[in-house]
PDB file of N, CA and C in Angstrom:
ATOM      1  N   MET A   1     -62.976 -38.769  40.353  1.00  0.00           N
ATOM      2  CA  MET A   1     -64.121 -38.005  39.888  1.00  0.00           C
ATOM      3  C   MET A   1     -64.996 -37.622  41.068  1.00  0.00           C
ATOM      4  N   SER A   2     -65.617 -36.488  40.939  1.00  0.00           N
ATOM      5  CA  SER A   2     -66.538 -35.997  41.964  1.00  0.00           C
ATOM      6  C   SER A   2     -67.977 -36.162  41.486  1.00  0.00           C
ATOM      7  N   TYR A   3     -68.883 -36.321  42.424  1.00  0.00           N
ATOM      8  CA  TYR A   3     -70.306 -36.306  42.111  1.00  0.00           C
ATOM      9  C   TYR A   3     -70.682 -34.836  41.950  1.00  0.00           C
ATOM     10  N   LEU A   4     -71.107 -34.448  40.765  1.00  0.00           N
ATOM     11  CA  LEU A   4     -71.405 -33.046  40.476  1.00  0.00           C
ATOM     12  C   LEU A   4     -72.902 -32.829  40.349  1.00  0.00           C
ATOM     13  N   ARG A   5     -73.409 -31.914  41.150  1.00  0.00           N
ATOM     14  CA  ARG A   5     -74.794 -31.466  41.032  1.00  0.00           C
ATOM     15  C   ARG A   5     -74.747 -29.998  40.637  1.00  0.00           C
ATOM     16  N   CYS A   6     -75.487 -29.659  39.593  1.00  0.00           N
ATOM     17  CA  CYS A   6     -75.450 -28.295  39.068  1.00  0.00           C
ATOM     18  C   CYS A   6     -76.859 -27.758  38.899  1.00  0.00           C
ATOM     19  N   ASN A   7     -77.125 -26.588  39.485  1.00  0.00           N
ATOM     20  CA  ASN A   7     -78.453 -25.995  39.298  1.00  0.00           C
ATOM     21  C   ASN A   7     -78.414 -24.793  38.354  1.00  0.00           C
ATOM     22  N   ALA A   8     -77.352 -24.670  37.549  1.00  0.00           N
ATOM     23  CA  ALA A   8     -77.288 -23.613  36.531  1.00  0.00           C
ATOM     24  C   ALA A   8     -78.116 -24.073  35.328  1.00  0.00           C
ATOM     25  N   ARG A   9     -79.407 -23.939  35.453  1.00  0.00           N
ATOM     26  CA  ARG A   9     -80.336 -24.499  34.466  1.00  0.00           C
ATOM     27  C   ARG A   9     -80.311 -23.783  33.122  1.00  0.00           C
ATOM     28  N   ASN A  10     -79.735 -22.597  33.050  1.00  0.00           N
ATOM     29  CA  ASN A  10     -79.593 -21.892  31.772  1.00  0.00           C
ATOM     30  C   ASN A  10     -78.357 -22.342  31.009  1.00  0.00           C
ATOM     31  N   CYS A  11     -77.579 -23.241  31.583  1.00  0.00           N
ATOM     32  CA  CYS A  11     -76.359 -23.719  30.935  1.00  0.00           C
ATOM     33  C   CYS A  11     -76.704 -24.800  29.915  1.00  0.00           C
ATOM     34  N   SER A  12     -76.095 -24.698  28.746  1.00  0.00           N
ATOM     35  CA  SER A  12     -76.346 -25.682  27.695  1.00  0.00           C
ATOM     36  C   SER A  12     -75.834 -27.066  28.061  1.00  0.00           C
ATOM     37  N   ASN A  13     -74.986 -27.157  29.078  1.00  0.00           N
ATOM     38  CA  ASN A  13     -74.452 -28.445  29.518  1.00  0.00           C
ATOM     39  C   ASN A  13     -75.294 -29.095  30.610  1.00  0.00           C
ATOM     40  N   ASN A  14     -76.306 -28.385  31.118  1.00  0.00           N
ATOM     41  CA  ASN A  14     -77.127 -28.889  32.216  1.00  0.00           C
ATOM     42  C   ASN A  14     -78.230 -29.788  31.688  1.00  0.00           C
ATOM     43  N   GLN A  15     -78.304 -30.972  32.277  1.00  0.00           N
ATOM     44  CA  GLN A  15     -79.372 -31.912  31.943  1.00  0.00           C
ATOM     45  C   GLN A  15     -79.864 -32.511  33.250  1.00  0.00           C
ATOM     46  N   ASN A  16     -81.043 -32.087  33.687  1.00  0.00           N
ATOM     47  CA  ASN A  16     -81.639 -32.597  34.934  1.00  0.00           C
ATOM     48  C   ASN A  16     -80.721 -32.403  36.135  1.00  0.00           C
ATOM     49  N   ASP A  17     -80.128 -31.226  36.244  1.00  0.00           N
ATOM     50  CA  ASP A  17     -79.227 -30.845  37.337  1.00  0.00           C
ATOM     51  C   ASP A  17     -77.915 -31.630  37.356  1.00  0.00           C
ATOM     52  N   LEU A  18     -77.586 -32.257  36.247  1.00  0.00           N
ATOM     53  CA  LEU A  18     -76.302 -32.904  36.047  1.00  0.00           C
ATOM     54  C   LEU A  18     -75.632 -32.244  34.850  1.00  0.00           C
ATOM     55  N   CYS A  19     -74.346 -32.493  34.677  1.00  0.00           N
ATOM     56  CA  CYS A  19     -73.599 -31.883  33.585  1.00  0.00           C
ATOM     57  C   CYS A  19     -73.287 -32.934  32.527  1.00  0.00           C
ATOM     58  N   ILE A  20     -73.523 -32.607  31.258  1.00  0.00           N
ATOM     59  CA  ILE A  20     -73.225 -33.563  30.192  1.00  0.00           C
ATOM     60  C   ILE A  20     -71.747 -33.567  29.821  1.00  0.00           C
ATOM     61  N   ARG A  21     -70.993 -32.609  30.342  1.00  0.00           N
ATOM     62  CA  ARG A  21     -69.548 -32.606  30.090  1.00  0.00           C
ATOM     63  C   ARG A  21     -68.874 -33.638  30.985  1.00  0.00           C
ATOM     64  N   GLU A  22     -67.830 -34.244  30.492  1.00  0.00           N
ATOM     65  CA  GLU A  22     -67.081 -35.206  31.296  1.00  0.00           C
ATOM     66  C   GLU A  22     -66.097 -34.500  32.215  1.00  0.00           C
ATOM     67  N   GLU A  23     -65.853 -33.206  31.946  1.00  0.00           N
ATOM     68  CA  GLU A  23     -64.904 -32.428  32.734  1.00  0.00           C
ATOM     69  C   GLU A  23     -65.340 -30.972  32.729  1.00  0.00           C
ATOM     70  N   ILE A  24     -65.259 -30.319  33.868  1.00  0.00           N
ATOM     71  CA  ILE A  24     -65.517 -28.883  33.951  1.00  0.00           C
ATOM     72  C   ILE A  24     -64.309 -28.204  34.581  1.00  0.00           C
ATOM     73  N   LYS A  25     -64.308 -26.869  34.520  1.00  0.00           N
ATOM     74  CA  LYS A  25     -63.240 -26.093  35.152  1.00  0.00           C
ATOM     75  C   LYS A  25     -63.863 -25.045  36.053  1.00  0.00           C
ATOM     76  N   VAL A  26     -63.404 -25.034  37.296  1.00  0.00           N
ATOM     77  CA  VAL A  26     -63.835 -24.025  38.262  1.00  0.00           C
ATOM     78  C   VAL A  26     -62.729 -22.991  38.370  1.00  0.00           C
ATOM     79  N   ASP A  27     -63.087 -21.722  38.172  1.00  0.00           N
ATOM     80  CA  ASP A  27     -62.145 -20.606  38.247  1.00  0.00           C
ATOM     81  C   ASP A  27     -62.322 -19.835  39.546  1.00  0.00           C
ATOM     82  N   GLY A  28     -61.279 -19.093  39.883  1.00  0.00           N
ATOM     83  CA  GLY A  28     -61.284 -18.246  41.071  1.00  0.00           C
ATOM     84  C   GLY A  28     -59.957 -18.337  41.791  1.00  0.00           C
ATOM     85  N   ALA A  29     -58.888 -18.134  41.051  1.00  0.00           N
ATOM     86  CA  ALA A  29     -57.529 -18.323  41.583  1.00  0.00           C
ATOM     87  C   ALA A  29     -57.293 -17.604  42.902  1.00  0.00           C
ATOM     88  N   THR A  30     -57.881 -16.433  43.074  1.00  0.00           N
ATOM     89  CA  THR A  30     -57.658 -15.655  44.299  1.00  0.00           C
ATOM     90  C   THR A  30     -58.880 -15.665  45.218  1.00  0.00           C
ATOM     91  N   ALA A  31     -59.765 -16.628  45.046  1.00  0.00           N
ATOM     92  CA  ALA A  31     -61.026 -16.676  45.795  1.00  0.00           C
ATOM     93  C   ALA A  31     -60.810 -16.811  47.302  1.00  0.00           C
ATOM     94  N   ASP A  32     -61.579 -16.033  48.038  1.00  0.00           N
ATOM     95  CA  ASP A  32     -61.632 -16.138  49.494  1.00  0.00           C
ATOM     96  C   ASP A  32     -63.008 -16.601  49.958  1.00  0.00           C
ATOM     97  N   THR A  33     -64.009 -16.489  49.065  1.00  0.00           N
ATOM     98  CA  THR A  33     -65.376 -16.897  49.376  1.00  0.00           C
ATOM     99  C   THR A  33     -65.955 -17.646  48.177  1.00  0.00           C
ATOM    100  N   LYS A  34     -67.069 -18.315  48.393  1.00  0.00           N
ATOM    101  CA  LYS A  34     -67.751 -19.033  47.314  1.00  0.00           C
ATOM    102  C   LYS A  34     -68.108 -18.115  46.161  1.00  0.00           C
ATOM    103  N   SER A  35     -68.509 -16.896  46.480  1.00  0.00           N
ATOM    104  CA  SER A  35     -68.934 -15.953  45.440  1.00  0.00           C
ATOM    105  C   SER A  35     -67.776 -15.494  44.558  1.00  0.00           C
ATOM    106  N   ASP A  36     -66.538 -15.792  44.947  1.00  0.00           N
ATOM    107  CA  ASP A  36     -65.367 -15.457  44.130  1.00  0.00           C
ATOM    108  C   ASP A  36     -65.031 -16.566  43.140  1.00  0.00           C
ATOM    109  N   THR A  37     -65.808 -17.658  43.148  1.00  0.00           N
ATOM    110  CA  THR A  37     -65.566 -18.783  42.248  1.00  0.00           C
ATOM    111  C   THR A  37     -66.607 -18.795  41.140  1.00  0.00           C
ATOM    112  N   CYS A  38     -66.352 -19.552  40.085  1.00  0.00           N
ATOM    113  CA  CYS A  38     -67.348 -19.720  39.026  1.00  0.00           C
ATOM    114  C   CYS A  38     -67.030 -20.962  38.206  1.00  0.00           C
ATOM    115  N   CYS A  39     -68.038 -21.462  37.514  1.00  0.00           N
ATOM    116  CA  CYS A  39     -67.853 -22.581  36.597  1.00  0.00           C
ATOM    117  C   CYS A  39     -67.502 -22.000  35.232  1.00  0.00           C
ATOM    118  N   ASN A  40     -66.238 -22.107  34.860  1.00  0.00           N
ATOM    119  CA  ASN A  40     -65.767 -21.556  33.597  1.00  0.00           C
ATOM    120  C   ASN A  40     -66.285 -22.344  32.391  1.00  0.00           C
ATOM    121  N   SER A  41     -66.864 -23.501  32.622  1.00  0.00           N
ATOM    122  CA  SER A  41     -67.395 -24.329  31.537  1.00  0.00           C
ATOM    123  C   SER A  41     -68.835 -23.961  31.184  1.00  0.00           C
ATOM    124  N   PHE A  42     -69.426 -23.024  31.923  1.00  0.00           N
ATOM    125  CA  PHE A  42     -70.803 -22.583  31.670  1.00  0.00           C
ATOM    126  C   PHE A  42     -70.928 -21.947  30.294  1.00  0.00           C
ATOM    127  N   THR A  43     -71.939 -22.345  29.549  1.00  0.00           N
ATOM    128  CA  THR A  43     -72.318 -21.668  28.301  1.00  0.00           C
ATOM    129  C   THR A  43     -73.841 -21.565  28.296  1.00  0.00           C
ATOM    130  N   GLN A  44     -74.329 -20.383  28.059  1.00  0.00           N
ATOM    131  CA  GLN A  44     -75.772 -20.147  28.114  1.00  0.00           C
ATOM    132  C   GLN A  44     -76.478 -20.901  26.986  1.00  0.00           C
ATOM    133  N   ARG A  45     -77.624 -21.470  27.302  1.00  0.00           N
ATOM    134  CA  ARG A  45     -78.421 -22.161  26.276  1.00  0.00           C
ATOM    135  C   ARG A  45     -78.675 -21.221  25.103  1.00  0.00           C
ATOM    136  N   GLY A  46     -78.580 -21.755  23.921  1.00  0.00           N
ATOM    137  CA  GLY A  46     -78.839 -20.964  22.731  1.00  0.00           C
ATOM    138  C   GLY A  46     -77.607 -20.306  22.157  1.00  0.00           C
ATOM    139  N   GLU A  47     -76.529 -20.190  22.947  1.00  0.00           N
ATOM    140  CA  GLU A  47     -75.294 -19.622  22.416  1.00  0.00           C
ATOM    141  C   GLU A  47     -74.601 -20.669  21.568  1.00  0.00           C
ATOM    142  N   SER A  48     -73.880 -20.232  20.602  1.00  0.00           N
ATOM    143  CA  SER A  48     -73.225 -21.134  19.667  1.00  0.00           C
ATOM    144  C   SER A  48     -71.723 -21.096  19.880  1.00  0.00           C
ATOM    145  N   TYR A  49     -71.218 -22.045  20.659  1.00  0.00           N
ATOM    146  CA  TYR A  49     -69.788 -22.154  20.904  1.00  0.00           C
ATOM    147  C   TYR A  49     -69.300 -23.491  20.371  1.00  0.00           C
ATOM    148  N   SER A  50     -68.128 -23.508  19.824  1.00  0.00           N
ATOM    149  CA  SER A  50     -67.595 -24.749  19.287  1.00  0.00           C
ATOM    150  C   SER A  50     -67.186 -25.715  20.389  1.00  0.00           C
ATOM    151  N   ASN A  51     -66.982 -25.225  21.615  1.00  0.00           N
ATOM    152  CA  ASN A  51     -66.549 -26.105  22.692  1.00  0.00           C
ATOM    153  C   ASN A  51     -67.702 -26.661  23.520  1.00  0.00           C
ATOM    154  N   VAL A  52     -68.939 -26.380  23.143  1.00  0.00           N
ATOM    155  CA  VAL A  52     -70.083 -26.902  23.878  1.00  0.00           C
ATOM    156  C   VAL A  52     -70.212 -28.386  23.574  1.00  0.00           C
ATOM    157  N   THR A  53     -70.299 -29.169  24.612  1.00  0.00           N
ATOM    158  CA  THR A  53     -70.410 -30.613  24.461  1.00  0.00           C
ATOM    159  C   THR A  53     -71.829 -30.980  24.091  1.00  0.00           C
ATOM    160  N   SER A  54     -71.961 -31.829  23.112  1.00  0.00           N
ATOM    161  CA  SER A  54     -73.289 -32.326  22.768  1.00  0.00           C
ATOM    162  C   SER A  54     -73.200 -33.832  22.610  1.00  0.00           C
ATOM    163  N   ARG A  55     -73.622 -34.542  23.654  1.00  0.00           N
ATOM    164  CA  ARG A  55     -73.646 -35.996  23.635  1.00  0.00           C
ATOM    165  C   ARG A  55     -75.088 -36.448  23.577  1.00  0.00           C
ATOM    166  N   ALA A  56     -75.326 -37.517  22.874  1.00  0.00           N
ATOM    167  CA  ALA A  56     -76.675 -38.060  22.792  1.00  0.00           C
ATOM    168  C   ALA A  56     -77.023 -38.853  24.047  1.00  0.00           C
ATOM    169  N   THR A  57     -76.027 -39.211  24.836  1.00  0.00           N
ATOM    170  CA  THR A  57     -76.270 -39.993  26.041  1.00  0.00           C
ATOM    171  C   THR A  57     -76.685 -39.093  27.194  1.00  0.00           C
ATOM    172  N   SER A  58     -77.180 -39.711  28.228  1.00  0.00           N
ATOM    173  CA  SER A  58     -77.615 -38.969  29.407  1.00  0.00           C
ATOM    174  C   SER A  58     -76.418 -38.467  30.201  1.00  0.00           C
ATOM    175  N   ALA A  59     -76.647 -37.407  30.945  1.00  0.00           N
ATOM    176  CA  ALA A  59     -75.615 -36.870  31.828  1.00  0.00           C
ATOM    177  C   ALA A  59     -75.355 -37.850  32.948  1.00  0.00           C
ATOM    178  N   GLU A  60     -74.126 -37.913  33.385  1.00  0.00           N
ATOM    179  CA  GLU A  60     -73.726 -38.779  34.486  1.00  0.00           C
ATOM    180  C   GLU A  60     -73.330 -37.899  35.672  1.00  0.00           C
ATOM    181  N   PRO A  61     -73.549 -38.360  36.894  1.00  0.00           N
ATOM    182  CA  PRO A  61     -73.210 -37.526  38.051  1.00  0.00           C
ATOM    183  C   PRO A  61     -71.709 -37.394  38.297  1.00  0.00           C
ATOM    184  N   GLU A  62     -70.898 -38.340  37.822  1.00  0.00           N
ATOM    185  CA  GLU A  62     -69.460 -38.282  38.051  1.00  0.00           C
ATOM    186  C   GLU A  62     -68.795 -37.418  36.987  1.00  0.00           C
ATOM    187  N   THR A  63     -68.028 -36.443  37.436  1.00  0.00           N
ATOM    188  CA  THR A  63     -67.390 -35.481  36.540  1.00  0.00           C
ATOM    189  C   THR A  63     -65.995 -35.157  37.050  1.00  0.00           C
ATOM    190  N   ASP A  64     -65.030 -35.083  36.148  1.00  0.00           N
ATOM    191  CA  ASP A  64     -63.701 -34.594  36.511  1.00  0.00           C
ATOM    192  C   ASP A  64     -63.785 -33.079  36.633  1.00  0.00           C
ATOM    193  N   ILE A  65     -63.163 -32.533  37.664  1.00  0.00           N
ATOM    194  CA  ILE A  65     -63.232 -31.091  37.884  1.00  0.00           C
ATOM    195  C   ILE A  65     -61.824 -30.531  38.003  1.00  0.00           C
ATOM    196  N   ASP A  66     -61.433 -29.744  36.985  1.00  0.00           N
ATOM    197  CA  ASP A  66     -60.197 -28.975  37.066  1.00  0.00           C
ATOM    198  C   ASP A  66     -60.518 -27.749  37.899  1.00  0.00           C
ATOM    199  N   CYS A  67     -59.594 -27.357  38.763  1.00  0.00           N
ATOM    200  CA  CYS A  67     -59.871 -26.256  39.678  1.00  0.00           C
ATOM    201  C   CYS A  67     -58.644 -25.382  39.876  1.00  0.00           C
ATOM    202  N   ASP A  68     -58.797 -24.082  39.616  1.00  0.00           N
ATOM    203  CA  ASP A  68     -57.666 -23.179  39.864  1.00  0.00           C
ATOM    204  C   ASP A  68     -57.866 -22.359  41.137  1.00  0.00           C
ATOM    205  N   VAL A  69     -58.809 -22.784  41.994  1.00  0.00           N
ATOM    206  CA  VAL A  69     -59.073 -22.096  43.256  1.00  0.00           C
ATOM    207  C   VAL A  69     -58.076 -22.615  44.291  1.00  0.00           C
ATOM    208  N   VAL A  70     -56.889 -22.023  44.291  1.00  0.00           N
ATOM    209  CA  VAL A  70     -55.789 -22.529  45.111  1.00  0.00           C
ATOM    210  C   VAL A  70     -56.067 -22.436  46.611  1.00  0.00           C
ATOM    211  N   ASN A  71     -56.968 -21.580  47.014  1.00  0.00           N
ATOM    212  CA  ASN A  71     -57.292 -21.409  48.425  1.00  0.00           C
ATOM    213  C   ASN A  71     -58.368 -22.381  48.911  1.00  0.00           C
ATOM    214  N   CYS A  72     -58.846 -23.264  48.046  1.00  0.00           N
ATOM    215  CA  CYS A  72     -59.875 -24.221  48.458  1.00  0.00           C
ATOM    216  C   CYS A  72     -59.220 -25.465  49.050  1.00  0.00           C
ATOM    217  N   SER A  73     -59.753 -25.935  50.158  1.00  0.00           N
ATOM    218  CA  SER A  73     -59.180 -27.114  50.821  1.00  0.00           C
ATOM    219  C   SER A  73     -59.329 -28.385  49.997  1.00  0.00           C
ATOM    220  N   TYR A  74     -60.221 -28.385  48.998  1.00  0.00           N
ATOM    221  CA  TYR A  74     -60.411 -29.557  48.143  1.00  0.00           C
ATOM    222  C   TYR A  74     -59.489 -29.561  46.921  1.00  0.00           C
ATOM    223  N   ASN A  75     -58.756 -28.474  46.695  1.00  0.00           N
ATOM    224  CA  ASN A  75     -57.872 -28.385  45.539  1.00  0.00           C
ATOM    225  C   ASN A  75     -56.602 -29.204  45.796  1.00  0.00           C
ATOM    226  N   LYS A  76     -56.423 -30.240  44.997  1.00  0.00           N
ATOM    227  CA  LYS A  76     -55.233 -31.086  45.082  1.00  0.00           C
ATOM    228  C   LYS A  76     -54.579 -31.109  43.704  1.00  0.00           C
ATOM    229  N   ASP A  77     -53.497 -30.356  43.550  1.00  0.00           N
ATOM    230  CA  ASP A  77     -52.793 -30.268  42.260  1.00  0.00           C
ATOM    231  C   ASP A  77     -53.726 -29.854  41.126  1.00  0.00           C
ATOM    232  N   TYR A  78     -54.550 -28.839  41.398  1.00  0.00           N
ATOM    233  CA  TYR A  78     -55.469 -28.242  40.425  1.00  0.00           C
ATOM    234  C   TYR A  78     -56.584 -29.181  39.972  1.00  0.00           C
ATOM    235  N   LYS A  79     -56.902 -30.155  40.797  1.00  0.00           N
ATOM    236  CA  LYS A  79     -58.049 -31.041  40.602  1.00  0.00           C
ATOM    237  C   LYS A  79     -58.881 -30.992  41.872  1.00  0.00           C
ATOM    238  N   CYS A  80     -60.192 -31.111  41.728  1.00  0.00           N
ATOM    239  CA  CYS A  80     -61.065 -31.103  42.900  1.00  0.00           C
ATOM    240  C   CYS A  80     -61.094 -32.496  43.499  1.00  0.00           C
ATOM    241  N   ALA A  81     -60.851 -32.577  44.799  1.00  0.00           N
ATOM    242  CA  ALA A  81     -60.836 -33.852  45.509  1.00  0.00           C
ATOM    243  C   ALA A  81     -62.087 -34.053  46.363  1.00  0.00           C
ATOM    244  N   ALA A  82     -63.047 -33.148  46.273  1.00  0.00           N
ATOM    245  CA  ALA A  82     -64.283 -33.304  47.043  1.00  0.00           C
ATOM    246  C   ALA A  82     -65.087 -34.472  46.478  1.00  0.00           C
ATOM    247  N   ALA A  83     -65.704 -35.240  47.342  1.00  0.00           N
ATOM    248  CA  ALA A  83     -66.518 -36.367  46.890  1.00  0.00           C
ATOM    249  C   ALA A  83     -67.769 -35.885  46.168  1.00  0.00           C
ATOM    250  N   SER A  84     -68.293 -34.744  46.604  1.00  0.00           N
ATOM    251  CA  SER A  84     -69.516 -34.193  46.039  1.00  0.00           C
ATOM    252  C   SER A  84     -69.351 -32.689  45.871  1.00  0.00           C
ATOM    253  N   VAL A  85     -69.776 -32.163  44.718  1.00  0.00           N
ATOM    254  CA  VAL A  85     -69.622 -30.736  44.412  1.00  0.00           C
ATOM    255  C   VAL A  85     -70.957 -30.182  43.923  1.00  0.00           C
ATOM    256  N   ASP A  86     -71.312 -28.990  44.432  1.00  0.00           N
ATOM    257  CA  ASP A  86     -72.513 -28.286  43.985  1.00  0.00           C
ATOM    258  C   ASP A  86     -72.109 -27.004  43.279  1.00  0.00           C
ATOM    259  N   ILE A  87     -72.594 -26.845  42.059  1.00  0.00           N
ATOM    260  CA  ILE A  87     -72.436 -25.586  41.318  1.00  0.00           C
ATOM    261  C   ILE A  87     -73.773 -24.868  41.376  1.00  0.00           C
ATOM    262  N   SER A  88     -73.766 -23.625  41.831  1.00  0.00           N
ATOM    263  CA  SER A  88     -74.982 -22.822  41.964  1.00  0.00           C
ATOM    264  C   SER A  88     -75.041 -21.764  40.878  1.00  0.00           C
ATOM    265  N   GLY A  89     -76.249 -21.330  40.584  1.00  0.00           N
ATOM    266  CA  GLY A  89     -76.473 -20.282  39.599  1.00  0.00           C
ATOM    267  C   GLY A  89     -77.735 -20.538  38.812  1.00  0.00           C
ATOM    268  N   SER A  90     -78.838 -20.753  39.508  1.00  0.00           N
ATOM    269  CA  SER A  90     -80.079 -21.176  38.859  1.00  0.00           C
ATOM    270  C   SER A  90     -80.572 -20.218  37.782  1.00  0.00           C
ATOM    271  N   SER A  91     -80.261 -18.937  37.891  1.00  0.00           N
ATOM    272  CA  SER A  91     -80.687 -17.990  36.854  1.00  0.00           C
ATOM    273  C   SER A  91     -79.491 -17.370  36.127  1.00  0.00           C
ATOM    274  N   ALA A  92     -78.340 -18.020  36.204  1.00  0.00           N
ATOM    275  CA  ALA A  92     -77.119 -17.489  35.592  1.00  0.00           C
ATOM    276  C   ALA A  92     -77.250 -17.369  34.076  1.00  0.00           C
ATOM    277  N   CYS A  93     -76.679 -16.291  33.556  1.00  0.00           N
ATOM    278  CA  CYS A  93     -76.607 -16.076  32.113  1.00  0.00           C
ATOM    279  C   CYS A  93     -75.157 -16.041  31.638  1.00  0.00           C
ATOM    280  N   THR A  94     -74.224 -15.947  32.580  1.00  0.00           N
ATOM    281  CA  THR A  94     -72.796 -15.970  32.275  1.00  0.00           C
ATOM    282  C   THR A  94     -72.098 -16.842  33.321  1.00  0.00           C
ATOM    283  N   CYS A  95     -70.872 -17.237  33.029  1.00  0.00           N
ATOM    284  CA  CYS A  95     -70.150 -18.071  33.995  1.00  0.00           C
ATOM    285  C   CYS A  95     -69.905 -17.318  35.296  1.00  0.00           C
ATOM    286  N   ARG A  96     -69.744 -16.014  35.256  1.00  0.00           N
ATOM    287  CA  ARG A  96     -69.493 -15.221  36.467  1.00  0.00           C
ATOM    288  C   ARG A  96     -70.699 -15.184  37.401  1.00  0.00           C
ATOM    289  N   GLU A  97     -71.866 -15.619  36.927  1.00  0.00           N
ATOM    290  CA  GLU A  97     -73.064 -15.667  37.767  1.00  0.00           C
ATOM    291  C   GLU A  97     -73.265 -17.052  38.380  1.00  0.00           C
ATOM    292  N   THR A  98     -72.268 -17.926  38.211  1.00  0.00           N
ATOM    293  CA  THR A  98     -72.281 -19.238  38.855  1.00  0.00           C
ATOM    294  C   THR A  98     -71.267 -19.229  39.988  1.00  0.00           C
ATOM    295  N   GLN A  99     -71.315 -20.231  40.836  1.00  0.00           N
ATOM    296  CA  GLN A  99     -70.299 -20.358  41.886  1.00  0.00           C
ATOM    297  C   GLN A  99     -70.212 -21.802  42.333  1.00  0.00           C
ATOM    298  N   CYS A 100     -69.066 -22.151  42.857  1.00  0.00           N
ATOM    299  CA  CYS A 100     -68.869 -23.467  43.452  1.00  0.00           C
ATOM    300  C   CYS A 100     -69.294 -23.367  44.914  1.00  0.00           C
ATOM    301  N   SER A 101     -70.451 -23.925  45.222  1.00  0.00           N
ATOM    302  CA  SER A 101     -70.984 -23.843  46.582  1.00  0.00           C
ATOM    303  C   SER A 101     -70.253 -24.768  47.540  1.00  0.00           C
ATOM    304  N   THR A 102     -69.404 -25.627  47.022  1.00  0.00           N
ATOM    305  CA  THR A 102     -68.646 -26.560  47.850  1.00  0.00           C
ATOM    306  C   THR A 102     -67.346 -25.937  48.346  1.00  0.00           C
ATOM    307  N   PHE A 103     -66.970 -24.786  47.807  1.00  0.00           N
ATOM    308  CA  PHE A 103     -65.728 -24.113  48.192  1.00  0.00           C
ATOM    309  C   PHE A 103     -65.567 -24.087  49.709  1.00  0.00           C
ATOM    310  N   ASP A 104     -64.380 -24.446  50.161  1.00  0.00           N
ATOM    311  CA  ASP A 104     -64.047 -24.422  51.587  1.00  0.00           C
ATOM    312  C   ASP A 104     -62.648 -23.804  51.718  1.00  0.00           C
ATOM    313  N   SER A 105     -62.587 -22.629  52.280  1.00  0.00           N
ATOM    314  CA  SER A 105     -61.336 -21.889  52.350  1.00  0.00           C
ATOM    315  C   SER A 105     -60.294 -22.568  53.244  1.00  0.00           C
ATOM    316  N   LYS A 106     -59.060 -22.590  52.764  1.00  0.00           N
ATOM    317  CA  LYS A 106     -57.937 -23.078  53.570  1.00  0.00           C
ATOM    318  C   LYS A 106     -57.536 -22.076  54.639  1.00  0.00           C
ATOM    319  N   LYS A 107     -57.863 -20.805  54.392  1.00  0.00           N
ATOM    320  CA  LYS A 107     -57.474 -19.734  55.306  1.00  0.00           C
ATOM    321  C   LYS A 107     -58.264 -19.813  56.595  1.00  0.00           C
ATOM    322  N   THR A 108     -57.616 -19.524  57.678  1.00  0.00           N
ATOM    323  CA  THR A 108     -58.299 -19.426  58.957  1.00  0.00           C
ATOM    324  C   THR A 108     -58.683 -17.969  59.183  1.00  0.00           C
ATOM    325  N   LEU A 109     -59.881 -17.788  59.650  1.00  0.00           N
ATOM    326  CA  LEU A 109     -60.369 -16.411  59.863  1.00  0.00           C
ATOM    327  C   LEU A 109     -60.106 -15.947  61.262  1.00  0.00           C
TER     328      LEU A 109
END
């Protein structure tokens, strides 16, 4: 599990910059930069989705992260191996307005 910090405060899963989900998914299969990634688990507050997690307990910093960003150096068999992950998108209204700020490209420039 990775320590997940999330500043997507419009997300229904965000509780005090932590995620109440036990697992998230980061998308961006062809990503070359952080801005090409996103948190696919984002759901805007107030939206009614059946997959939105609602736990009565507090959010925990440790979260499993599925990741399809094959070009990220932390991607190990479609799981994030980074010790700490930051999801950005403080004013995001959709998942495409978020990004994995921890992304580190395997490609050499």
